C-alpha atoms as a PDB file:
ATOM      1  CA  MET A   1       0.000   0.000   0.000  1.00  0.00           C
ATOM      2  CA  LEU A   2       1.275   3.460  -0.917  1.00  0.00           C
ATOM      3  CA  MET A   3       1.385   5.741   2.103  1.00  0.00           C
ATOM      4  CA  LEU A   4       0.612   9.374   1.389  1.00  0.00           C
ATOM      5  CA  PRO A   5       3.455  11.690   2.376  1.00  0.00           C
ATOM      6  CA  VAL A   6       3.195  14.210   5.182  1.00  0.00           C
ATOM      7  CA  ALA A   7       3.482  17.221   2.872  1.00  0.00           C
ATOM      8  CA  VAL A   8      -0.025  17.011   1.378  1.00  0.00           C
ATOM      9  CA  THR A   9      -1.995  20.241   1.209  1.00  0.00           C
ATOM     10  CA  ARG A  10      -5.272  21.383  -0.272  1.00  0.00           C
ATOM     11  CA  PHE A  11      -5.215  24.676  -2.089  1.00  0.00           C
ATOM     12  CA  SER A  12      -7.633  26.919  -3.936  1.00  0.00           C
ATOM     13  CA  SER A  13      -5.563  28.195  -6.846  1.00  0.00           C
ATOM     14  CA  TRP A  14      -3.382  26.773  -9.609  1.00  0.00           C
ATOM     15  CA  ARG A  15      -1.141  29.886  -9.607  1.00  0.00           C
ATOM     16  CA  CYS A  16       1.660  27.760  -8.124  1.00  0.00           C
ATOM     17  CA  LEU A  17       1.804  25.618 -11.285  1.00  0.00           C
ATOM     18  CA  LEU A  18       4.089  27.801 -13.382  1.00  0.00           C
ATOM     19  CA  ALA A  19       6.739  25.051 -13.578  1.00  0.00           C
ATOM     20  CA  VAL A  20       4.438  22.184 -14.591  1.00  0.00           C
ATOM     21  CA  SER A  21       6.197  19.903 -17.035  1.00  0.00           C
ATOM     22  CA  PHE A  22       3.617  17.109 -17.332  1.00  0.00           C
ATOM     23  CA  SER A  23      -0.181  17.161 -17.364  1.00  0.00           C
ATOM     24  CA  LYS A  24      -3.038  14.903 -18.352  1.00  0.00           C
ATOM     25  CA  THR A  25      -6.637  14.016 -17.517  1.00  0.00           C
ATOM     26  CA  VAL A  26      -7.289  10.524 -16.175  1.00  0.00           C
ATOM     27  CA  THR A  27     -10.733   8.859 -16.315  1.00  0.00           C
ATOM     28  CA  VAL A  28     -11.751   6.123 -13.888  1.00  0.00           C
ATOM     29  CA  SER A  29     -14.017   4.137 -16.212  1.00  0.00           C
ATOM     30  CA  THR A  30     -15.153   1.587 -13.621  1.00  0.00           C
ATOM     31  CA  ALA A  31     -15.619   2.566  -9.979  1.00  0.00           C
ATOM     32  CA  GLY A  32     -13.707   0.219  -7.688  1.00  0.00           C
ATOM     33  CA  THR A  33     -11.030  -0.508 -10.298  1.00  0.00           C
ATOM     34  CA  PRO A  34      -7.881   1.590  -9.713  1.00  0.00           C
ATOM     35  CA  VAL A  35      -6.366   3.447 -12.684  1.00  0.00           C
ATOM     36  CA  GLN A  36      -2.673   4.301 -12.887  1.00  0.00           C
ATOM     37  CA  CYS A  37      -1.946   8.043 -13.177  1.00  0.00           C
ATOM     38  CA  ASN A  38       0.635   7.292 -15.875  1.00  0.00           C
ATOM     39  CA  THR A  39       2.307   4.114 -17.162  1.00  0.00           C
ATOM     40  CA  SER A  40       5.600   5.735 -18.212  1.00  0.00           C
ATOM     41  CA  PRO A  41       8.065   7.015 -15.596  1.00  0.00           C
ATOM     42  CA  VAL A  42       7.718  10.671 -14.653  1.00  0.00           C
ATOM     43  CA  PRO A  43      10.143  11.440 -11.807  1.00  0.00           C
ATOM     44  CA  MET A  44       8.765  14.482 -10.039  1.00  0.00           C
ATOM     45  CA  ARG A  45       9.301  16.960  -7.236  1.00  0.00           C
ATOM     46  CA  LYS A  46       5.634  17.903  -6.901  1.00  0.00           C
ATOM     47  CA  LEU A  47       2.336  16.344  -7.891  1.00  0.00           C
ATOM     48  CA  TYR A  48      -0.954  18.208  -8.169  1.00  0.00           C
ATOM     49  CA  ILE A  49      -4.261  16.381  -8.588  1.00  0.00           C
ATOM     50  CA  GLN A  50      -7.684  17.937  -9.067  1.00  0.00           C
ATOM     51  CA  ALA A  51     -10.982  16.070  -9.126  1.00  0.00           C
ATOM     52  CA  ASP A  52     -12.603  17.393 -12.284  1.00  0.00           C
ATOM     53  CA  PRO A  53     -15.103  20.159 -11.429  1.00  0.00           C
ATOM     54  CA  ASP A  54     -17.624  18.541 -13.804  1.00  0.00           C
ATOM     55  CA  ASN A  55     -17.702  15.270 -11.820  1.00  0.00           C
ATOM     56  CA  THR A  56     -21.026  14.415 -10.146  1.00  0.00           C
ATOM     57  CA  VAL A  57     -21.382  16.483  -6.953  1.00  0.00           C
ATOM     58  CA  SER A  58     -21.973  13.576  -4.564  1.00  0.00           C
ATOM     59  CA  GLU A  59     -19.106  11.445  -5.956  1.00  0.00           C
ATOM     60  CA  VAL A  60     -15.381  11.476  -5.130  1.00  0.00           C
ATOM     61  CA  ILE A  61     -11.974  10.565  -6.556  1.00  0.00           C
ATOM     62  CA  TYR A  62      -9.547   8.605  -4.353  1.00  0.00           C
ATOM     63  CA  VAL A  63      -5.775   9.086  -4.657  1.00  0.00           C
ATOM     64  CA  GLY A  64      -3.277   6.473  -3.442  1.00  0.00           C
ATOM     65  CA  GLY A  65      -1.355   3.355  -4.430  1.00  0.00           C
ATOM     66  CA  SER A  66      -2.340   0.455  -6.688  1.00  0.00           C
ATOM     67  CA  ASP A  67      -4.760  -0.842  -4.049  1.00  0.00           C
ATOM     68  CA  VAL A  68      -6.517   2.499  -3.538  1.00  0.00           C
ATOM     69  CA  LEU A  69     -10.119   2.305  -2.399  1.00  0.00           C
ATOM     70  CA  SER A  70     -12.093   4.653  -0.183  1.00  0.00           C
ATOM     71  CA  GLU A  71     -10.270   3.565   2.998  1.00  0.00           C
ATOM     72  CA  PRO A  72      -6.568   4.039   2.107  1.00  0.00           C
ATOM     73  CA  GLY A  73      -7.114   6.789  -0.433  1.00  0.00           C
ATOM     74  CA  TYR A  74      -6.990  10.553  -0.145  1.00  0.00           C
ATOM     75  CA  GLU A  75     -10.502  11.759  -1.031  1.00  0.00           C
ATOM     76  CA  LEU A  76     -11.255  14.623  -3.457  1.00  0.00           C
ATOM     77  CA  ALA A  77     -14.742  15.989  -4.148  1.00  0.00           C
ATOM     78  CA  PRO A  78     -15.434  17.678  -7.516  1.00  0.00           C
ATOM     79  CA  GLY A  79     -13.125  20.658  -7.996  1.00  0.00           C
ATOM     80  CA  GLU A  80     -10.994  19.875  -4.932  1.00  0.00           C
ATOM     81  CA  LYS A  81      -7.241  19.933  -5.426  1.00  0.00           C
ATOM     82  CA  VAL A  82      -4.312  18.420  -3.579  1.00  0.00           C
ATOM     83  CA  ALA A  83      -0.591  19.208  -3.781  1.00  0.00           C
ATOM     84  CA  ILE A  84       1.989  16.591  -2.828  1.00  0.00           C
ATOM     85  CA  ASP A  85       5.485  17.966  -2.263  1.00  0.00           C
ATOM     86  CA  PHE A  86       8.189  15.285  -2.396  1.00  0.00           C
ATOM     87  CA  THR A  87      10.915  17.701  -1.346  1.00  0.00           C
ATOM     88  CA  GLN A  88       9.580  17.918   2.230  1.00  0.00           C
ATOM     89  CA  GLU A  89       9.505  14.968   4.641  1.00  0.00           C
ATOM     90  CA  SER A  90       8.222  12.468   2.112  1.00  0.00           C
ATOM     91  CA  LEU A  91       9.314   9.110   0.845  1.00  0.00           C
ATOM     92  CA  PRO A  92      11.473   9.342  -2.319  1.00  0.00           C
ATOM     93  CA  LYS A  93       9.980   6.095  -3.639  1.00  0.00           C
ATOM     94  CA  ASN A  94       6.619   7.873  -3.998  1.00  0.00           C
ATOM     95  CA  SER A  95       7.998  10.476  -6.383  1.00  0.00           C
ATOM     96  CA  ASP A  96       7.462   8.625  -9.683  1.00  0.00           C
ATOM     97  CA  LEU A  97       4.037   9.098 -11.285  1.00  0.00           C
ATOM     98  CA  PRO A  98       3.360   5.397 -12.154  1.00  0.00           C
ATOM     99  CA  LEU A  99       3.306   4.672  -8.389  1.00  0.00           C
ATOM    100  CA  TRP A 100       0.194   6.839  -7.993  1.00  0.00           C
ATOM    101  CA  TRP A 101      -3.277   5.518  -8.762  1.00  0.00           C
ATOM    102  CA  LEU A 102      -6.841   6.851  -8.799  1.00  0.00           C
ATOM    103  CA  ASN A 103     -10.144   5.238  -7.981  1.00  0.00           C
ATOM    104  CA  ALA A 104     -13.660   6.664  -7.847  1.00  0.00           C
ATOM    105  CA  SER A 105     -16.998   6.247  -6.147  1.00  0.00           C
ATOM    106  CA  ALA A 106     -18.814   6.220  -9.526  1.00  0.00           C
ATOM    107  CA  ASN A 107     -18.037   5.230 -13.117  1.00  0.00           C
ATOM    108  CA  GLY A 108     -16.542   7.817 -15.470  1.00  0.00           C
ATOM    109  CA  LEU A 109     -15.139  10.312 -12.961  1.00  0.00           C
ATOM    110  CA  LYS A 110     -12.091  12.311 -14.056  1.00  0.00           C
ATOM    111  CA  ALA A 111      -9.046  13.836 -12.403  1.00  0.00           C
ATOM    112  CA  ASN A 112      -6.556  16.352 -13.754  1.00  0.00           C
ATOM    113  CA  ILE A 113      -2.897  15.496 -13.096  1.00  0.00           C
ATOM    114  CA  PHE A 114      -0.044  18.038 -13.079  1.00  0.00           C
ATOM    115  CA  ALA A 115       3.569  17.173 -12.231  1.00  0.00           C
ATOM    116  CA  VAL A 116       6.720  19.220 -11.743  1.00  0.00           C
ATOM    117  CA  ARG A 117       9.580  17.016 -12.896  1.00  0.00           C
ATOM    118  CA  ALA A 118      12.517  16.242 -10.648  1.00  0.00           C
END
């Protein structure tokens, strides 16, 4: 199980993303089936994930490791964002994008992924 690092913060603006070097939208087609954020290596210093604002209001995206479900995952409601900073008190092994997975409480939910490369 992937443990989320200590330096996880919610924020209200994307103004801090000036140095983004990788971005994509990930769709969780089937709720309960984790989806990898990316299959190719993307070593990174920071990871930003936003539950798509157009997702269904009562549904959530879960962020975590390959076994992410509602329990071990970090939960994001539509439009909510999380920043994960691997340069502060975190585990270096968590800093490659293929180690991060998404799951959802309903089919077809989306998340926007932004990474600042290492």
